[in-house]
Amino acid sequence: MPIAKLARRCAGGALLLCVAVLSLTPGAARADTILVMGDSLSAAYGIDPQAGWVTLLEKRLGSEHEVVNASISGETTSGGSARLPEVLGQYHPDIVLLELGGNDGLRGLSPQQMQVNLAKMIERSQKENAKVLLLGIEVPPNYGPAYTDAFRDVFTQLAHDYQVPLLPFLLEGVDLDTMLQDDGIHPTAEAQPIILDNVWSKLEPMLTPSTNAAG
């Protein structure tokens, strides 16, 4: 039944029933608000922001979903954990993408404390009824095998403990010889579609069906 015709019937009564029917009408599905809490890898550091994977994600999703990028270059899990409650209260996201930990690793900070910080962020997000996608990152091997393994295990353990999906390595498939900027850390614009596809593989099953979503 056309929505306009159904709306005219609603004006005559049975409002609650009509609201329920309208909510089930094709194309009327509620959009997701997707919050990205990340660092420079999600803040498009050193490249045109329009080329960053978060902006590419917004374009792929279409207009029925909202993407909020609360990423800050240089952010650690401690800073993200401190900021998250206010951001959750402002945007009330349906899905939270946690892309933090890289700066903890670059600074040689404790993986145990990183795990505590990320756990708090997962718990706060879930308390607000948001689904969480954990985006993992790797540290260079020169940190030593013990630190590298402990760092990697943080993401695996959190995904297990909180039953959240995990992308083990955000930069999987990115050529680290040719697709990094001069600093040897941040991906170039050419790498961003690869990063998006990595995220999409885990995010797509979490989305509310949308008639405008592509991919």
N, C-alpha and C. Protein backbone atom coordinates (compact mmCIF):
# COMPACT_ATOMS: atom_id res chain seq x y z
N MET A 1 0.85 -1.20 0.00
CA MET A 1 0.00 0.00 0.00
C MET A 1 0.88 1.24 0.00
N PRO A 2 0.62 2.24 -0.87
CA PRO A 2 1.42 3.46 -0.87
C PRO A 2 1.42 4.11 0.50
N ILE A 3 2.56 4.70 0.89
CA ILE A 3 2.68 5.31 2.21
C ILE A 3 1.68 6.45 2.39
N ALA A 4 1.49 7.26 1.35
CA ALA A 4 0.57 8.39 1.46
C ALA A 4 -0.84 7.90 1.77
N LYS A 5 -1.28 6.82 1.11
CA LYS A 5 -2.62 6.28 1.35
C LYS A 5 -2.73 5.73 2.76
N LEU A 6 -1.66 5.04 3.20
CA LEU A 6 -1.67 4.50 4.55
C LEU A 6 -1.69 5.62 5.57
N ALA A 7 -1.00 6.71 5.30
CA ALA A 7 -0.98 7.84 6.22
C ALA A 7 -2.36 8.44 6.37
N ARG A 8 -3.15 8.50 5.26
CA ARG A 8 -4.51 9.04 5.35
C ARG A 8 -5.37 8.17 6.25
N ARG A 9 -5.18 6.86 6.16
CA ARG A 9 -5.94 5.97 7.04
C ARG A 9 -5.52 6.18 8.49
N CYS A 10 -4.23 6.45 8.71
CA CYS A 10 -3.75 6.69 10.07
C CYS A 10 -4.45 7.89 10.68
N ALA A 11 -4.74 8.87 9.86
CA ALA A 11 -5.39 10.06 10.38
C ALA A 11 -6.76 9.75 10.93
N GLY A 12 -7.35 8.63 10.47
CA GLY A 12 -8.67 8.26 10.94
C GLY A 12 -8.67 7.42 12.20
N GLY A 13 -7.52 7.03 12.68
CA GLY A 13 -7.46 6.22 13.90
C GLY A 13 -6.44 5.12 13.79
N ALA A 14 -6.43 4.26 14.81
CA ALA A 14 -5.49 3.13 14.87
C ALA A 14 -4.06 3.60 14.68
N LEU A 15 -3.68 4.68 15.38
CA LEU A 15 -2.38 5.31 15.17
C LEU A 15 -1.23 4.37 15.48
N LEU A 16 -1.30 3.68 16.61
CA LEU A 16 -0.19 2.82 17.01
C LEU A 16 0.05 1.72 16.00
N LEU A 17 -1.04 1.13 15.50
CA LEU A 17 -0.91 0.09 14.50
C LEU A 17 -0.29 0.63 13.24
N CYS A 18 -0.71 1.81 12.83
CA CYS A 18 -0.18 2.39 11.60
C CYS A 18 1.29 2.73 11.72
N VAL A 19 1.68 3.20 12.89
CA VAL A 19 3.09 3.50 13.11
C VAL A 19 3.91 2.23 12.95
N ALA A 20 3.40 1.14 13.50
CA ALA A 20 4.11 -0.13 13.39
C ALA A 20 4.21 -0.58 11.94
N VAL A 21 3.11 -0.42 11.18
CA VAL A 21 3.12 -0.83 9.78
C VAL A 21 4.07 0.04 8.98
N LEU A 22 4.05 1.35 9.22
CA LEU A 22 4.94 2.25 8.51
C LEU A 22 6.39 1.90 8.76
N SER A 23 6.72 1.48 9.99
CA SER A 23 8.10 1.15 10.31
C SER A 23 8.58 -0.08 9.56
N LEU A 24 7.62 -0.90 9.08
CA LEU A 24 7.99 -2.10 8.34
C LEU A 24 7.92 -1.90 6.84
N THR A 25 7.53 -0.70 6.41
CA THR A 25 7.42 -0.43 4.99
C THR A 25 8.79 -0.46 4.34
N PRO A 26 8.96 -1.14 3.19
CA PRO A 26 10.27 -1.17 2.52
C PRO A 26 10.82 0.22 2.31
N GLY A 27 12.13 0.39 2.61
CA GLY A 27 12.77 1.69 2.47
C GLY A 27 12.65 2.54 3.69
N ALA A 28 11.88 2.09 4.71
CA ALA A 28 11.70 2.89 5.91
C ALA A 28 12.55 2.38 7.06
N ALA A 29 13.49 1.46 6.80
CA ALA A 29 14.31 0.90 7.86
C ALA A 29 15.17 1.99 8.50
N ARG A 30 15.33 1.87 9.81
CA ARG A 30 16.10 2.85 10.55
C ARG A 30 17.57 2.74 10.14
N ALA A 31 18.19 3.90 9.90
CA ALA A 31 19.60 3.91 9.55
C ALA A 31 20.46 3.69 10.78
N ASP A 32 21.67 3.20 10.55
CA ASP A 32 22.64 3.07 11.62
C ASP A 32 23.46 4.34 11.74
N THR A 33 23.79 4.68 12.97
CA THR A 33 24.82 5.68 13.23
C THR A 33 26.08 4.93 13.61
N ILE A 34 27.12 5.14 12.84
CA ILE A 34 28.37 4.40 13.01
C ILE A 34 29.43 5.37 13.53
N LEU A 35 29.97 5.08 14.68
CA LEU A 35 30.99 5.92 15.31
C LEU A 35 32.35 5.28 15.13
N VAL A 36 33.29 6.05 14.61
CA VAL A 36 34.67 5.59 14.48
C VAL A 36 35.52 6.30 15.53
N MET A 37 36.03 5.53 16.47
CA MET A 37 36.95 6.06 17.48
C MET A 37 38.34 5.54 17.14
N GLY A 38 39.15 6.38 16.54
CA GLY A 38 40.44 5.93 16.09
C GLY A 38 41.53 6.97 16.26
N ASP A 39 42.66 6.67 15.64
CA ASP A 39 43.81 7.57 15.68
C ASP A 39 44.09 8.08 14.28
N SER A 40 45.34 8.37 13.97
CA SER A 40 45.68 8.96 12.68
C SER A 40 45.35 8.05 11.51
N LEU A 41 45.32 6.74 11.72
CA LEU A 41 44.99 5.81 10.64
C LEU A 41 43.56 6.00 10.16
N SER A 42 42.70 6.51 11.04
CA SER A 42 41.30 6.76 10.68
C SER A 42 41.02 8.25 10.49
N ALA A 43 41.99 9.09 10.84
CA ALA A 43 41.82 10.54 10.71
C ALA A 43 42.41 11.07 9.41
N ALA A 44 42.81 10.18 8.51
CA ALA A 44 43.34 10.56 7.19
C ALA A 44 44.57 11.46 7.32
N TYR A 45 45.46 11.10 8.24
CA TYR A 45 46.66 11.89 8.45
C TYR A 45 47.51 11.93 7.19
N GLY A 46 47.90 13.14 6.79
CA GLY A 46 48.83 13.33 5.69
C GLY A 46 48.24 13.20 4.30
N ILE A 47 46.94 12.98 4.19
CA ILE A 47 46.29 12.86 2.89
C ILE A 47 45.02 13.71 2.89
N ASP A 48 44.45 13.88 1.74
CA ASP A 48 43.16 14.57 1.61
C ASP A 48 42.12 13.81 2.43
N PRO A 49 41.44 14.48 3.36
CA PRO A 49 40.43 13.78 4.17
C PRO A 49 39.38 13.05 3.32
N GLN A 50 39.09 13.57 2.13
CA GLN A 50 38.11 12.92 1.26
C GLN A 50 38.60 11.57 0.75
N ALA A 51 39.91 11.34 0.83
CA ALA A 51 40.48 10.07 0.37
C ALA A 51 40.61 9.05 1.48
N GLY A 52 40.36 9.45 2.72
CA GLY A 52 40.50 8.55 3.86
C GLY A 52 39.46 7.45 3.85
N TRP A 53 39.78 6.33 4.47
CA TRP A 53 38.88 5.18 4.41
C TRP A 53 37.55 5.46 5.10
N VAL A 54 37.52 6.32 6.10
CA VAL A 54 36.25 6.61 6.78
C VAL A 54 35.31 7.37 5.84
N THR A 55 35.85 8.33 5.11
CA THR A 55 35.03 9.04 4.13
C THR A 55 34.58 8.11 3.01
N LEU A 56 35.47 7.22 2.59
CA LEU A 56 35.09 6.23 1.57
C LEU A 56 33.99 5.31 2.09
N LEU A 57 34.06 4.98 3.38
CA LEU A 57 33.00 4.17 3.99
C LEU A 57 31.67 4.90 3.94
N GLU A 58 31.69 6.17 4.27
CA GLU A 58 30.45 6.96 4.25
C GLU A 58 29.84 6.96 2.86
N LYS A 59 30.67 7.08 1.84
CA LYS A 59 30.17 7.08 0.47
C LYS A 59 29.61 5.71 0.10
N ARG A 60 30.26 4.66 0.55
CA ARG A 60 29.78 3.32 0.21
C ARG A 60 28.46 3.01 0.90
N LEU A 61 28.29 3.48 2.10
CA LEU A 61 27.08 3.18 2.86
C LEU A 61 25.85 3.85 2.28
N GLY A 62 25.99 5.06 1.76
CA GLY A 62 24.84 5.78 1.26
C GLY A 62 24.18 6.60 2.34
N SER A 63 23.12 7.28 1.97
CA SER A 63 22.51 8.31 2.82
C SER A 63 21.71 7.76 3.99
N GLU A 64 21.39 6.47 3.99
CA GLU A 64 20.56 5.94 5.07
C GLU A 64 21.37 5.63 6.34
N HIS A 65 22.68 5.72 6.25
CA HIS A 65 23.53 5.51 7.41
C HIS A 65 24.34 6.77 7.68
N GLU A 66 24.59 7.03 8.95
CA GLU A 66 25.39 8.19 9.35
C GLU A 66 26.73 7.70 9.89
N VAL A 67 27.80 8.33 9.45
CA VAL A 67 29.13 7.99 9.94
C VAL A 67 29.68 9.19 10.70
N VAL A 68 30.09 8.96 11.94
CA VAL A 68 30.69 9.99 12.78
C VAL A 68 32.15 9.61 13.00
N ASN A 69 33.06 10.44 12.53
CA ASN A 69 34.48 10.16 12.69
C ASN A 69 35.02 10.99 13.85
N ALA A 70 35.21 10.33 14.99
CA ALA A 70 35.74 10.99 16.17
C ALA A 70 37.21 10.64 16.38
N SER A 71 37.90 10.33 15.30
CA SER A 71 39.31 9.95 15.38
C SER A 71 40.19 11.17 15.52
N ILE A 72 41.28 11.02 16.26
CA ILE A 72 42.23 12.10 16.50
C ILE A 72 43.64 11.55 16.29
N SER A 73 44.43 12.23 15.48
CA SER A 73 45.82 11.81 15.29
C SER A 73 46.56 11.85 16.62
N GLY A 74 47.32 10.81 16.88
CA GLY A 74 48.08 10.72 18.12
C GLY A 74 47.32 10.14 19.29
N GLU A 75 46.05 9.80 19.08
CA GLU A 75 45.22 9.30 20.18
C GLU A 75 45.72 7.94 20.68
N THR A 76 45.69 7.78 22.00
CA THR A 76 45.99 6.50 22.64
C THR A 76 44.70 5.89 23.17
N THR A 77 44.79 4.65 23.63
CA THR A 77 43.59 4.04 24.22
C THR A 77 43.16 4.77 25.48
N SER A 78 44.11 5.34 26.20
CA SER A 78 43.75 6.10 27.40
C SER A 78 42.94 7.34 27.04
N GLY A 79 43.40 8.08 26.01
CA GLY A 79 42.66 9.26 25.58
C GLY A 79 41.30 8.90 25.02
N GLY A 80 41.25 7.84 24.24
CA GLY A 80 39.97 7.41 23.68
C GLY A 80 38.99 7.00 24.75
N SER A 81 39.48 6.29 25.75
CA SER A 81 38.61 5.86 26.84
C SER A 81 38.05 7.05 27.60
N ALA A 82 38.86 8.08 27.77
CA ALA A 82 38.41 9.28 28.48
C ALA A 82 37.37 10.06 27.68
N ARG A 83 37.52 10.07 26.35
CA ARG A 83 36.61 10.84 25.50
C ARG A 83 35.30 10.12 25.21
N LEU A 84 35.32 8.80 25.24
CA LEU A 84 34.20 8.03 24.73
C LEU A 84 32.85 8.33 25.38
N PRO A 85 32.75 8.44 26.71
CA PRO A 85 31.42 8.66 27.29
C PRO A 85 30.71 9.90 26.73
N GLU A 86 31.45 10.98 26.55
CA GLU A 86 30.84 12.20 26.01
C GLU A 86 30.41 11.99 24.57
N VAL A 87 31.23 11.31 23.78
CA VAL A 87 30.90 11.07 22.37
C VAL A 87 29.68 10.16 22.25
N LEU A 88 29.63 9.12 23.08
CA LEU A 88 28.47 8.23 23.07
C LEU A 88 27.20 9.00 23.43
N GLY A 89 27.30 9.87 24.41
CA GLY A 89 26.14 10.65 24.82
C GLY A 89 25.67 11.63 23.77
N GLN A 90 26.60 12.08 22.95
CA GLN A 90 26.25 13.06 21.92
C GLN A 90 25.62 12.41 20.69
N TYR A 91 26.14 11.24 20.29
CA TYR A 91 25.72 10.66 19.01
C TYR A 91 24.87 9.40 19.14
N HIS A 92 24.89 8.74 20.27
CA HIS A 92 24.10 7.52 20.49
C HIS A 92 24.26 6.54 19.32
N PRO A 93 25.47 6.09 19.04
CA PRO A 93 25.70 5.24 17.87
C PRO A 93 25.09 3.85 18.02
N ASP A 94 24.80 3.25 16.88
CA ASP A 94 24.36 1.86 16.84
C ASP A 94 25.55 0.91 16.75
N ILE A 95 26.63 1.38 16.12
CA ILE A 95 27.84 0.59 15.95
C ILE A 95 29.04 1.46 16.28
N VAL A 96 29.97 0.90 17.04
CA VAL A 96 31.20 1.61 17.37
C VAL A 96 32.38 0.84 16.80
N LEU A 97 33.19 1.51 16.00
CA LEU A 97 34.42 0.94 15.47
C LEU A 97 35.58 1.45 16.32
N LEU A 98 36.25 0.54 17.01
CA LEU A 98 37.38 0.91 17.86
C LEU A 98 38.68 0.64 17.12
N GLU A 99 39.36 1.69 16.72
CA GLU A 99 40.63 1.59 16.01
C GLU A 99 41.68 2.34 16.81
N LEU A 100 42.09 1.76 17.90
CA LEU A 100 43.07 2.38 18.79
C LEU A 100 44.06 1.34 19.27
N GLY A 101 45.22 1.82 19.66
CA GLY A 101 46.26 0.93 20.16
C GLY A 101 47.59 1.16 19.47
N GLY A 102 47.55 1.66 18.24
CA GLY A 102 48.79 1.87 17.49
C GLY A 102 49.75 2.81 18.20
N ASN A 103 49.22 3.90 18.75
CA ASN A 103 50.10 4.86 19.43
C ASN A 103 50.57 4.33 20.77
N ASP A 104 49.77 3.48 21.40
CA ASP A 104 50.25 2.81 22.61
C ASP A 104 51.48 1.99 22.28
N GLY A 105 51.40 1.26 21.15
CA GLY A 105 52.51 0.42 20.75
C GLY A 105 53.74 1.23 20.37
N LEU A 106 53.55 2.31 19.60
CA LEU A 106 54.68 3.12 19.17
C LEU A 106 55.40 3.76 20.35
N ARG A 107 54.67 3.97 21.43
CA ARG A 107 55.28 4.55 22.63
C ARG A 107 55.75 3.50 23.63
N GLY A 108 55.57 2.24 23.25
CA GLY A 108 56.01 1.17 24.13
C GLY A 108 55.22 1.08 25.42
N LEU A 109 53.96 1.51 25.39
CA LEU A 109 53.13 1.48 26.58
C LEU A 109 52.69 0.05 26.89
N SER A 110 52.25 -0.17 28.10
CA SER A 110 51.91 -1.50 28.58
C SER A 110 50.73 -2.10 27.80
N PRO A 111 50.90 -3.27 27.20
CA PRO A 111 49.75 -3.94 26.57
C PRO A 111 48.65 -4.25 27.57
N GLN A 112 49.02 -4.52 28.80
CA GLN A 112 48.01 -4.82 29.82
C GLN A 112 47.11 -3.60 30.07
N GLN A 113 47.73 -2.42 30.15
CA GLN A 113 46.92 -1.21 30.35
C GLN A 113 46.10 -0.91 29.10
N MET A 114 46.66 -1.16 27.93
CA MET A 114 45.91 -0.97 26.69
C MET A 114 44.67 -1.85 26.70
N GLN A 115 44.82 -3.08 27.17
CA GLN A 115 43.68 -4.00 27.23
C GLN A 115 42.62 -3.48 28.18
N VAL A 116 43.05 -2.95 29.32
CA VAL A 116 42.10 -2.39 30.28
C VAL A 116 41.33 -1.22 29.66
N ASN A 117 42.04 -0.35 28.98
CA ASN A 117 41.40 0.82 28.36
C ASN A 117 40.40 0.41 27.29
N LEU A 118 40.80 -0.51 26.42
CA LEU A 118 39.89 -0.95 25.36
C LEU A 118 38.70 -1.70 25.93
N ALA A 119 38.93 -2.47 26.99
CA ALA A 119 37.81 -3.18 27.64
C ALA A 119 36.78 -2.18 28.16
N LYS A 120 37.25 -1.10 28.75
CA LYS A 120 36.32 -0.07 29.25
C LYS A 120 35.51 0.51 28.10
N MET A 121 36.15 0.72 26.96
CA MET A 121 35.45 1.30 25.82
C MET A 121 34.41 0.34 25.27
N ILE A 122 34.75 -0.94 25.23
CA ILE A 122 33.77 -1.93 24.77
C ILE A 122 32.59 -1.98 25.72
N GLU A 123 32.87 -2.01 27.01
CA GLU A 123 31.80 -2.10 28.01
C GLU A 123 30.90 -0.87 27.95
N ARG A 124 31.50 0.31 27.82
CA ARG A 124 30.69 1.53 27.76
C ARG A 124 29.82 1.54 26.51
N SER A 125 30.37 1.09 25.41
CA SER A 125 29.60 1.05 24.16
C SER A 125 28.46 0.06 24.27
N GLN A 126 28.73 -1.12 24.79
CA GLN A 126 27.69 -2.13 24.92
C GLN A 126 26.62 -1.70 25.93
N LYS A 127 27.03 -0.97 26.94
CA LYS A 127 26.06 -0.46 27.91
C LYS A 127 25.07 0.48 27.25
N GLU A 128 25.53 1.16 26.19
CA GLU A 128 24.66 2.07 25.44
C GLU A 128 23.98 1.35 24.27
N ASN A 129 24.01 0.01 24.31
CA ASN A 129 23.35 -0.84 23.30
C ASN A 129 23.95 -0.68 21.91
N ALA A 130 25.22 -0.34 21.85
CA ALA A 130 25.92 -0.26 20.57
C ALA A 130 26.70 -1.55 20.33
N LYS A 131 26.70 -2.00 19.09
CA LYS A 131 27.55 -3.12 18.69
C LYS A 131 28.96 -2.59 18.47
N VAL A 132 29.94 -3.43 18.74
CA VAL A 132 31.34 -3.01 18.67
C VAL A 132 32.08 -3.86 17.65
N LEU A 133 32.86 -3.19 16.81
CA LEU A 133 33.80 -3.86 15.91
C LEU A 133 35.20 -3.41 16.31
N LEU A 134 36.05 -4.37 16.62
CA LEU A 134 37.41 -4.09 17.06
C LEU A 134 38.34 -4.19 15.86
N LEU A 135 39.08 -3.11 15.61
CA LEU A 135 40.01 -3.04 14.49
C LEU A 135 41.43 -3.13 15.03
N GLY A 136 42.08 -4.27 14.78
CA GLY A 136 43.40 -4.50 15.33
C GLY A 136 44.51 -3.89 14.48
N ILE A 137 45.66 -3.74 15.09
CA ILE A 137 46.83 -3.21 14.42
C ILE A 137 48.05 -3.99 14.92
N GLU A 138 49.12 -3.94 14.18
CA GLU A 138 50.35 -4.64 14.55
C GLU A 138 51.44 -3.62 14.86
N VAL A 139 52.41 -4.03 15.69
CA VAL A 139 53.58 -3.19 15.93
C VAL A 139 54.76 -3.78 15.17
N PRO A 140 55.75 -2.95 14.82
CA PRO A 140 56.91 -3.45 14.08
C PRO A 140 57.65 -4.53 14.87
N PRO A 141 58.29 -5.46 14.18
CA PRO A 141 58.97 -6.57 14.85
C PRO A 141 60.16 -6.14 15.70
N ASN A 142 60.69 -4.94 15.46
CA ASN A 142 61.85 -4.50 16.23
C ASN A 142 61.54 -4.26 17.71
N TYR A 143 60.25 -4.33 18.07
CA TYR A 143 59.90 -4.21 19.49
C TYR A 143 60.20 -5.50 20.25
N GLY A 144 60.51 -6.54 19.53
CA GLY A 144 60.81 -7.82 20.16
C GLY A 144 59.60 -8.73 20.15
N PRO A 145 59.83 -10.03 20.08
CA PRO A 145 58.71 -10.97 19.96
C PRO A 145 57.78 -10.98 21.17
N ALA A 146 58.31 -10.79 22.37
CA ALA A 146 57.46 -10.83 23.56
C ALA A 146 56.44 -9.70 23.54
N TYR A 147 56.91 -8.48 23.24
CA TYR A 147 56.00 -7.32 23.19
C TYR A 147 55.03 -7.47 22.02
N THR A 148 55.55 -7.88 20.87
CA THR A 148 54.71 -8.04 19.69
C THR A 148 53.58 -9.03 19.94
N ASP A 149 53.91 -10.15 20.56
CA ASP A 149 52.89 -11.17 20.83
C ASP A 149 51.88 -10.68 21.86
N ALA A 150 52.37 -10.01 22.90
CA ALA A 150 51.46 -9.50 23.94
C ALA A 150 50.53 -8.45 23.37
N PHE A 151 51.07 -7.60 22.49
CA PHE A 151 50.26 -6.56 21.86
C PHE A 151 49.16 -7.18 21.00
N ARG A 152 49.53 -8.15 20.18
CA ARG A 152 48.55 -8.81 19.31
C ARG A 152 47.49 -9.54 20.12
N ASP A 153 47.92 -10.17 21.20
CA ASP A 153 47.00 -10.97 22.00
C ASP A 153 45.92 -10.12 22.67
N VAL A 154 46.21 -8.82 22.88
CA VAL A 154 45.21 -7.94 23.48
C VAL A 154 43.92 -7.96 22.66
N PHE A 155 44.03 -7.81 21.36
CA PHE A 155 42.85 -7.75 20.50
C PHE A 155 42.13 -9.10 20.45
N THR A 156 42.91 -10.16 20.37
CA THR A 156 42.31 -11.49 20.32
C THR A 156 41.55 -11.80 21.60
N GLN A 157 42.14 -11.45 22.73
CA GLN A 157 41.51 -11.74 24.01
C GLN A 157 40.26 -10.92 24.23
N LEU A 158 40.31 -9.66 23.85
CA LEU A 158 39.13 -8.81 24.00
C LEU A 158 37.98 -9.30 23.13
N ALA A 159 38.28 -9.68 21.89
CA ALA A 159 37.23 -10.19 21.01
C ALA A 159 36.59 -11.43 21.60
N HIS A 160 37.40 -12.28 22.22
CA HIS A 160 36.88 -13.50 22.84
C HIS A 160 36.06 -13.17 24.09
N ASP A 161 36.60 -12.33 24.95
CA ASP A 161 35.94 -12.04 26.22
C ASP A 161 34.60 -11.35 26.04
N TYR A 162 34.53 -10.45 25.07
CA TYR A 162 33.32 -9.65 24.90
C TYR A 162 32.48 -10.08 23.71
N GLN A 163 32.93 -11.14 23.03
CA GLN A 163 32.17 -11.68 21.89
C GLN A 163 31.86 -10.60 20.86
N VAL A 164 32.92 -9.87 20.47
CA VAL A 164 32.78 -8.84 19.44
C VAL A 164 33.61 -9.25 18.23
N PRO A 165 33.18 -8.88 17.03
CA PRO A 165 33.97 -9.20 15.84
C PRO A 165 35.29 -8.45 15.84
N LEU A 166 36.30 -9.09 15.27
CA LEU A 166 37.66 -8.53 15.24
C LEU A 166 38.21 -8.57 13.83
N LEU A 167 38.72 -7.44 13.37
CA LEU A 167 39.57 -7.40 12.20
C LEU A 167 41.00 -7.44 12.73
N PRO A 168 41.71 -8.54 12.59
CA PRO A 168 43.01 -8.68 13.27
C PRO A 168 44.03 -7.61 12.89
N PHE A 169 44.07 -7.22 11.60
CA PHE A 169 45.09 -6.27 11.16
C PHE A 169 44.47 -5.32 10.15
N LEU A 170 44.31 -4.07 10.56
CA LEU A 170 43.65 -3.07 9.73
C LEU A 170 44.32 -2.92 8.37
N LEU A 171 45.64 -3.06 8.33
CA LEU A 171 46.40 -2.81 7.10
C LEU A 171 46.68 -4.08 6.31
N GLU A 172 45.94 -5.14 6.56
CA GLU A 172 46.13 -6.37 5.80
C GLU A 172 45.99 -6.10 4.30
N GLY A 173 46.98 -6.56 3.52
CA GLY A 173 46.94 -6.37 2.08
C GLY A 173 47.54 -5.07 1.61
N VAL A 174 47.87 -4.16 2.52
CA VAL A 174 48.53 -2.91 2.15
C VAL A 174 50.02 -3.19 1.96
N ASP A 175 50.56 -2.80 0.83
CA ASP A 175 51.99 -3.00 0.56
C ASP A 175 52.78 -2.00 1.41
N LEU A 176 53.42 -2.49 2.44
CA LEU A 176 54.11 -1.61 3.38
C LEU A 176 55.41 -1.05 2.81
N ASP A 177 55.79 -1.49 1.63
CA ASP A 177 56.97 -0.93 0.97
C ASP A 177 56.63 0.23 0.05
N THR A 178 55.43 0.19 -0.52
CA THR A 178 55.07 1.20 -1.53
C THR A 178 53.86 2.05 -1.15
N MET A 179 53.10 1.65 -0.13
CA MET A 179 51.86 2.34 0.19
C MET A 179 51.89 3.03 1.55
N LEU A 180 53.09 3.40 1.99
CA LEU A 180 53.22 4.19 3.20
C LEU A 180 53.81 5.55 2.84
N GLN A 181 53.41 6.56 3.61
CA GLN A 181 53.97 7.89 3.41
C GLN A 181 55.44 7.91 3.82
N ASP A 182 56.08 9.05 3.64
CA ASP A 182 57.51 9.15 3.90
C ASP A 182 57.89 8.84 5.34
N ASP A 183 56.93 8.95 6.26
CA ASP A 183 57.25 8.66 7.65
C ASP A 183 57.33 7.16 7.93
N GLY A 184 56.94 6.35 6.95
CA GLY A 184 57.00 4.91 7.12
C GLY A 184 55.95 4.34 8.04
N ILE A 185 54.95 5.14 8.39
CA ILE A 185 53.92 4.71 9.34
C ILE A 185 52.52 4.81 8.74
N HIS A 186 52.23 5.94 8.11
CA HIS A 186 50.86 6.22 7.70
C HIS A 186 50.61 5.83 6.25
N PRO A 187 49.51 5.15 5.99
CA PRO A 187 49.19 4.72 4.62
C PRO A 187 48.90 5.90 3.70
N THR A 188 49.22 5.71 2.43
CA THR A 188 48.94 6.71 1.41
C THR A 188 47.47 6.64 1.01
N ALA A 189 47.08 7.58 0.16
CA ALA A 189 45.71 7.58 -0.34
C ALA A 189 45.41 6.30 -1.12
N GLU A 190 46.41 5.76 -1.81
CA GLU A 190 46.22 4.55 -2.60
C GLU A 190 45.87 3.35 -1.73
N ALA A 191 46.28 3.39 -0.47
CA ALA A 191 46.01 2.28 0.43
C ALA A 191 44.61 2.32 1.03
N GLN A 192 43.94 3.46 0.98
CA GLN A 192 42.69 3.63 1.70
C GLN A 192 41.57 2.69 1.21
N PRO A 193 41.41 2.46 -0.10
CA PRO A 193 40.37 1.50 -0.52
C PRO A 193 40.62 0.09 0.00
N ILE A 194 41.88 -0.29 0.13
CA ILE A 194 42.19 -1.61 0.68
C ILE A 194 41.77 -1.67 2.15
N ILE A 195 42.08 -0.62 2.89
CA ILE A 195 41.68 -0.56 4.30
C ILE A 195 40.16 -0.63 4.41
N LEU A 196 39.47 0.13 3.56
CA LEU A 196 38.01 0.11 3.59
C LEU A 196 37.48 -1.30 3.36
N ASP A 197 38.02 -1.99 2.38
CA ASP A 197 37.54 -3.35 2.11
C ASP A 197 37.79 -4.27 3.30
N ASN A 198 38.91 -4.08 3.98
CA ASN A 198 39.18 -4.87 5.19
C ASN A 198 38.10 -4.63 6.24
N VAL A 199 37.80 -3.37 6.49
CA VAL A 199 36.78 -3.02 7.49
C VAL A 199 35.41 -3.51 7.04
N TRP A 200 35.12 -3.33 5.77
CA TRP A 200 33.80 -3.68 5.23
C TRP A 200 33.50 -5.17 5.43
N SER A 201 34.51 -6.00 5.31
CA SER A 201 34.30 -7.45 5.44
C SER A 201 33.73 -7.82 6.79
N LYS A 202 34.05 -7.04 7.82
CA LYS A 202 33.54 -7.30 9.16
C LYS A 202 32.32 -6.45 9.50
N LEU A 203 32.27 -5.26 8.93
CA LEU A 203 31.19 -4.32 9.26
C LEU A 203 29.88 -4.67 8.57
N GLU A 204 29.94 -5.10 7.33
CA GLU A 204 28.72 -5.31 6.54
C GLU A 204 27.70 -6.21 7.25
N PRO A 205 28.13 -7.34 7.86
CA PRO A 205 27.13 -8.18 8.53
C PRO A 205 26.48 -7.54 9.76
N MET A 206 27.07 -6.47 10.26
CA MET A 206 26.55 -5.80 11.45
C MET A 206 25.50 -4.75 11.14
N LEU A 207 25.39 -4.37 9.86
CA LEU A 207 24.55 -3.25 9.47
C LEU A 207 23.08 -3.59 9.44
N THR A 208 22.25 -2.62 9.79
CA THR A 208 20.83 -2.70 9.54
C THR A 208 20.63 -2.64 8.03
N PRO A 209 19.84 -3.54 7.43
CA PRO A 209 19.66 -3.51 5.96
C PRO A 209 19.23 -2.14 5.48
N SER A 210 19.87 -1.70 4.43
CA SER A 210 19.59 -0.38 3.86
C SER A 210 19.44 -0.50 2.36
N THR A 211 18.43 0.14 1.83
CA THR A 211 18.20 0.09 0.39
C THR A 211 19.25 0.88 -0.37
N ASN A 212 20.00 1.75 0.35
CA ASN A 212 20.98 2.58 -0.32
C ASN A 212 22.40 2.05 -0.18
N ALA A 213 22.61 1.04 0.69
CA ALA A 213 23.97 0.56 0.90
C ALA A 213 24.46 -0.15 -0.34
N ALA A 214 25.71 0.10 -0.67
CA ALA A 214 26.32 -0.53 -1.83
C ALA A 214 27.45 -1.43 -1.38
N GLY A 215 28.03 -2.15 -2.34
CA GLY A 215 29.22 -2.92 -2.02
C GLY A 215 28.98 -4.38 -2.05
